[in-house]
């Protein structure tokens, strides 16, 4: 699966590795996740970055996303889905266009 990367905890990363995904980055904490995400955003060949919801909830994600970046999709980890603290789509629209959308 070219063009797709995963940023997750070690257990979730192992499951995706077994499923055949090759661009997998296992992180131990939020600081490491932010650093790895920043380096992934510089890669031109990536179109989608999957990030576990638990990491997205803890990261300052909209402060580091450049204007032209891969699509960042939150996914649940092995423990299950969590409630995202922000509506990711609304925040992405606001970040990319400067327009606040109310749904």
N, C-alpha and C. Protein backbone atom coordinates (compact mmCIF):
# COMPACT_ATOMS: atom_id res chain seq x y z
N UNK A 1 0.84 -1.18 0.00
CA UNK A 1 0.00 0.00 0.00
C UNK A 1 0.89 1.24 0.00
N UNK A 2 1.22 1.67 -1.17
CA UNK A 2 2.05 2.87 -1.30
C UNK A 2 1.21 4.11 -1.05
N UNK A 3 1.81 5.11 -0.48
CA UNK A 3 1.12 6.37 -0.25
C UNK A 3 0.36 6.45 1.05
N UNK A 4 0.40 5.36 1.85
CA UNK A 4 -0.31 5.33 3.12
C UNK A 4 0.70 5.04 4.23
N UNK A 5 0.61 5.80 5.32
CA UNK A 5 1.47 5.57 6.48
C UNK A 5 0.61 5.47 7.73
N UNK A 6 1.13 4.81 8.73
CA UNK A 6 0.43 4.65 10.01
C UNK A 6 1.31 5.17 11.12
N UNK A 7 0.71 5.94 12.01
CA UNK A 7 1.37 6.44 13.22
C UNK A 7 0.53 5.97 14.39
N UNK A 8 1.09 5.04 15.20
CA UNK A 8 0.27 4.42 16.24
C UNK A 8 1.13 3.83 17.35
N UNK A 9 0.45 3.31 18.38
CA UNK A 9 1.12 2.58 19.44
C UNK A 9 1.64 1.26 18.89
N UNK A 10 2.48 0.58 19.65
CA UNK A 10 3.14 -0.63 19.14
C UNK A 10 2.16 -1.77 18.84
N UNK A 11 1.11 -1.92 19.63
CA UNK A 11 0.15 -2.99 19.40
C UNK A 11 -0.65 -2.77 18.11
N UNK A 12 -1.13 -1.57 17.93
CA UNK A 12 -1.88 -1.25 16.70
C UNK A 12 -0.96 -1.34 15.49
N UNK A 13 0.28 -0.87 15.63
CA UNK A 13 1.25 -0.93 14.54
C UNK A 13 1.51 -2.38 14.11
N UNK A 14 1.61 -3.28 15.07
CA UNK A 14 1.85 -4.69 14.77
C UNK A 14 0.70 -5.28 13.96
N UNK A 15 -0.53 -4.94 14.31
CA UNK A 15 -1.69 -5.45 13.57
C UNK A 15 -1.67 -4.98 12.11
N UNK A 16 -1.34 -3.72 11.89
CA UNK A 16 -1.29 -3.21 10.53
C UNK A 16 -0.12 -3.80 9.76
N UNK A 17 0.96 -4.10 10.45
CA UNK A 17 2.10 -4.74 9.81
C UNK A 17 1.71 -6.13 9.32
N UNK A 18 0.97 -6.85 10.17
CA UNK A 18 0.48 -8.18 9.79
C UNK A 18 -0.51 -8.11 8.61
N UNK A 19 -1.21 -6.98 8.50
CA UNK A 19 -2.17 -6.80 7.41
C UNK A 19 -1.48 -6.40 6.10
N UNK A 20 -0.18 -6.08 6.15
CA UNK A 20 0.55 -5.80 4.92
C UNK A 20 0.94 -4.36 4.69
N UNK A 21 0.64 -3.47 5.62
CA UNK A 21 1.05 -2.07 5.46
C UNK A 21 2.54 -1.96 5.75
N UNK A 22 3.26 -1.21 4.92
CA UNK A 22 4.71 -1.15 5.08
C UNK A 22 5.21 0.12 5.76
N UNK A 23 4.55 1.25 5.57
CA UNK A 23 4.97 2.51 6.18
C UNK A 23 4.35 2.65 7.57
N UNK A 24 4.95 1.97 8.55
CA UNK A 24 4.40 1.95 9.91
C UNK A 24 5.39 2.59 10.86
N UNK A 25 4.89 3.50 11.69
CA UNK A 25 5.73 4.19 12.65
C UNK A 25 5.11 4.04 14.04
N UNK A 26 5.76 3.27 14.88
CA UNK A 26 5.30 3.02 16.24
C UNK A 26 5.92 4.06 17.16
N UNK A 27 5.09 4.68 17.99
CA UNK A 27 5.58 5.70 18.92
C UNK A 27 5.18 5.33 20.35
N UNK A 28 5.96 5.86 21.31
CA UNK A 28 5.70 5.54 22.71
C UNK A 28 4.98 6.65 23.46
N UNK A 29 5.10 7.89 22.95
CA UNK A 29 4.45 9.01 23.65
C UNK A 29 4.07 10.09 22.65
N UNK A 30 3.38 11.11 23.13
CA UNK A 30 2.85 12.16 22.27
C UNK A 30 3.97 13.00 21.66
N UNK A 31 4.98 13.30 22.42
CA UNK A 31 6.10 14.10 21.90
C UNK A 31 6.76 13.39 20.72
N UNK A 32 6.97 12.10 20.86
CA UNK A 32 7.54 11.30 19.78
C UNK A 32 6.59 11.26 18.57
N UNK A 33 5.29 11.19 18.85
CA UNK A 33 4.29 11.16 17.77
C UNK A 33 4.28 12.47 16.98
N UNK A 34 4.35 13.60 17.68
CA UNK A 34 4.37 14.90 16.99
C UNK A 34 5.62 15.04 16.12
N UNK A 35 6.75 14.60 16.64
CA UNK A 35 8.00 14.67 15.88
C UNK A 35 7.92 13.79 14.63
N UNK A 36 7.39 12.57 14.78
CA UNK A 36 7.27 11.66 13.65
C UNK A 36 6.26 12.17 12.63
N UNK A 37 5.15 12.73 13.09
CA UNK A 37 4.15 13.27 12.18
C UNK A 37 4.74 14.42 11.36
N UNK A 38 5.51 15.27 12.00
CA UNK A 38 6.14 16.39 11.31
C UNK A 38 7.07 15.89 10.20
N UNK A 39 7.82 14.83 10.47
CA UNK A 39 8.70 14.29 9.43
C UNK A 39 7.90 13.60 8.32
N UNK A 40 6.76 12.99 8.65
CA UNK A 40 5.91 12.36 7.62
C UNK A 40 5.28 13.41 6.71
N UNK A 41 4.96 14.57 7.25
CA UNK A 41 4.34 15.62 6.44
C UNK A 41 5.29 16.16 5.37
N UNK A 42 6.59 15.95 5.55
CA UNK A 42 7.58 16.40 4.57
C UNK A 42 7.72 15.44 3.39
N UNK A 43 7.21 14.22 3.52
CA UNK A 43 7.34 13.24 2.44
C UNK A 43 6.34 13.53 1.35
N UNK A 44 6.81 13.61 0.11
CA UNK A 44 5.93 13.93 -1.02
C UNK A 44 5.15 12.73 -1.53
N UNK A 45 5.57 11.53 -1.21
CA UNK A 45 4.91 10.34 -1.74
C UNK A 45 3.71 9.89 -0.92
N UNK A 46 3.50 10.45 0.25
CA UNK A 46 2.37 10.05 1.09
C UNK A 46 1.11 10.82 0.73
N UNK A 47 0.01 10.11 0.66
CA UNK A 47 -1.30 10.72 0.41
C UNK A 47 -2.20 10.67 1.63
N UNK A 48 -2.01 9.62 2.46
CA UNK A 48 -2.84 9.42 3.65
C UNK A 48 -1.96 9.03 4.83
N UNK A 49 -2.21 9.65 5.97
CA UNK A 49 -1.54 9.26 7.21
C UNK A 49 -2.62 8.86 8.21
N UNK A 50 -2.59 7.60 8.62
CA UNK A 50 -3.52 7.10 9.62
C UNK A 50 -2.90 7.33 11.00
N UNK A 51 -3.65 7.93 11.91
CA UNK A 51 -3.16 8.22 13.26
C UNK A 51 -4.23 7.76 14.24
N UNK A 52 -3.82 7.09 15.30
CA UNK A 52 -4.81 6.63 16.28
C UNK A 52 -5.48 7.82 16.96
N UNK A 53 -6.74 7.64 17.29
CA UNK A 53 -7.53 8.70 17.92
C UNK A 53 -6.91 9.18 19.23
N UNK A 54 -6.34 8.25 19.99
CA UNK A 54 -5.74 8.61 21.27
C UNK A 54 -4.58 9.59 21.06
N UNK A 55 -3.79 9.39 20.02
CA UNK A 55 -2.69 10.31 19.73
C UNK A 55 -3.21 11.66 19.24
N UNK A 56 -4.20 11.64 18.36
CA UNK A 56 -4.75 12.89 17.83
C UNK A 56 -5.33 13.74 18.95
N UNK A 57 -5.99 13.10 19.91
CA UNK A 57 -6.58 13.84 21.02
C UNK A 57 -5.54 14.54 21.88
N UNK A 58 -4.32 14.02 21.90
CA UNK A 58 -3.28 14.58 22.75
C UNK A 58 -2.33 15.52 22.01
N UNK A 59 -2.30 15.45 20.69
CA UNK A 59 -1.36 16.27 19.91
C UNK A 59 -1.95 17.63 19.58
N UNK A 60 -1.07 18.59 19.36
CA UNK A 60 -1.45 19.90 18.85
C UNK A 60 -1.36 19.82 17.32
N UNK A 61 -2.23 19.02 16.73
CA UNK A 61 -2.11 18.64 15.33
C UNK A 61 -2.28 19.80 14.36
N UNK A 62 -3.17 20.74 14.65
CA UNK A 62 -3.44 21.80 13.68
C UNK A 62 -2.37 22.89 13.69
N UNK A 63 -1.51 22.87 14.67
CA UNK A 63 -0.42 23.83 14.70
C UNK A 63 0.75 23.39 13.85
N UNK A 64 0.83 22.09 13.50
CA UNK A 64 1.97 21.60 12.73
C UNK A 64 1.63 21.18 11.31
N UNK A 65 0.35 21.17 10.95
CA UNK A 65 -0.02 20.74 9.60
C UNK A 65 0.22 21.87 8.61
N UNK A 66 1.09 21.63 7.61
CA UNK A 66 1.27 22.66 6.58
C UNK A 66 0.05 22.73 5.67
N UNK A 67 -0.02 23.77 4.85
CA UNK A 67 -1.19 23.97 4.00
C UNK A 67 -1.40 22.80 3.03
N UNK A 68 -0.33 22.37 2.39
CA UNK A 68 -0.43 21.21 1.49
C UNK A 68 0.15 20.02 2.22
N UNK A 69 -0.71 19.14 2.63
CA UNK A 69 -0.26 17.98 3.38
C UNK A 69 -1.12 16.77 3.03
N UNK A 70 -0.63 15.57 3.38
CA UNK A 70 -1.46 14.38 3.18
C UNK A 70 -2.72 14.44 4.05
N UNK A 71 -3.70 13.68 3.69
CA UNK A 71 -4.93 13.57 4.47
C UNK A 71 -4.63 12.80 5.74
N UNK A 72 -4.98 13.36 6.89
CA UNK A 72 -4.76 12.70 8.18
C UNK A 72 -6.10 12.14 8.65
N UNK A 73 -6.13 10.82 8.83
CA UNK A 73 -7.37 10.14 9.20
C UNK A 73 -7.21 9.49 10.57
N UNK A 74 -8.08 9.86 11.53
CA UNK A 74 -8.01 9.20 12.84
C UNK A 74 -8.64 7.81 12.78
N UNK A 75 -8.00 6.86 13.45
CA UNK A 75 -8.52 5.49 13.52
C UNK A 75 -8.49 5.04 14.98
N UNK A 76 -9.37 4.13 15.37
CA UNK A 76 -9.31 3.62 16.74
C UNK A 76 -8.11 2.69 16.91
N UNK A 77 -7.62 2.58 18.14
CA UNK A 77 -6.57 1.59 18.39
C UNK A 77 -7.23 0.29 18.81
N UNK A 78 -6.46 -0.66 19.32
CA UNK A 78 -7.02 -1.97 19.67
C UNK A 78 -8.00 -1.91 20.83
N UNK A 79 -7.93 -0.87 21.65
CA UNK A 79 -8.85 -0.73 22.78
C UNK A 79 -10.22 -0.23 22.35
N UNK A 80 -10.32 0.25 21.14
CA UNK A 80 -11.60 0.73 20.63
C UNK A 80 -11.60 2.21 20.37
N UNK A 81 -12.72 2.69 19.91
CA UNK A 81 -12.87 4.08 19.52
C UNK A 81 -13.02 4.99 20.74
N UNK A 82 -12.52 6.20 20.60
CA UNK A 82 -12.71 7.22 21.63
C UNK A 82 -13.45 8.39 21.01
N UNK A 83 -13.93 9.26 21.84
CA UNK A 83 -14.59 10.46 21.34
C UNK A 83 -13.50 11.48 21.04
N UNK A 84 -13.45 11.94 19.80
CA UNK A 84 -12.47 12.95 19.43
C UNK A 84 -12.84 14.26 20.10
N UNK A 85 -11.84 14.97 20.63
CA UNK A 85 -12.14 16.21 21.34
C UNK A 85 -12.56 17.33 20.41
N UNK A 86 -12.22 17.23 19.13
CA UNK A 86 -12.67 18.21 18.15
C UNK A 86 -13.20 17.48 16.93
N UNK A 87 -14.05 18.14 16.21
CA UNK A 87 -14.51 17.57 14.96
C UNK A 87 -13.40 17.79 13.94
N UNK A 88 -12.71 16.74 13.58
CA UNK A 88 -11.52 16.84 12.76
C UNK A 88 -11.79 17.49 11.41
N UNK A 89 -12.89 17.17 10.78
CA UNK A 89 -13.19 17.75 9.46
C UNK A 89 -13.41 19.26 9.57
N UNK A 90 -14.16 19.69 10.56
CA UNK A 90 -14.40 21.13 10.75
C UNK A 90 -13.08 21.85 11.01
N UNK A 91 -12.22 21.28 11.84
CA UNK A 91 -10.93 21.90 12.14
C UNK A 91 -10.03 21.95 10.91
N UNK A 92 -10.04 20.89 10.09
CA UNK A 92 -9.23 20.89 8.87
C UNK A 92 -9.69 21.97 7.89
N UNK A 93 -11.01 22.12 7.74
CA UNK A 93 -11.54 23.17 6.86
C UNK A 93 -11.13 24.54 7.37
N UNK A 94 -11.25 24.75 8.67
CA UNK A 94 -10.88 26.04 9.25
C UNK A 94 -9.39 26.30 9.07
N UNK A 95 -8.57 25.28 9.27
CA UNK A 95 -7.12 25.44 9.13
C UNK A 95 -6.71 25.70 7.69
N UNK A 96 -7.31 25.00 6.74
CA UNK A 96 -6.91 25.13 5.34
C UNK A 96 -7.45 26.38 4.68
N UNK A 97 -8.69 26.80 5.05
CA UNK A 97 -9.33 27.90 4.34
C UNK A 97 -9.50 29.16 5.18
N UNK A 98 -9.43 29.01 6.49
CA UNK A 98 -9.69 30.15 7.36
C UNK A 98 -11.16 30.39 7.59
N UNK A 99 -11.99 29.51 7.08
CA UNK A 99 -13.46 29.66 7.21
C UNK A 99 -13.95 28.69 8.27
N UNK A 100 -14.74 29.18 9.22
CA UNK A 100 -15.29 28.31 10.25
C UNK A 100 -16.64 27.79 9.79
N UNK A 101 -16.76 26.47 9.76
CA UNK A 101 -17.99 25.81 9.32
C UNK A 101 -18.71 25.28 10.54
N UNK A 102 -20.01 25.53 10.62
CA UNK A 102 -20.81 25.00 11.71
C UNK A 102 -21.75 23.95 11.14
N UNK A 103 -21.67 22.75 11.71
CA UNK A 103 -22.52 21.66 11.23
C UNK A 103 -23.66 21.42 12.20
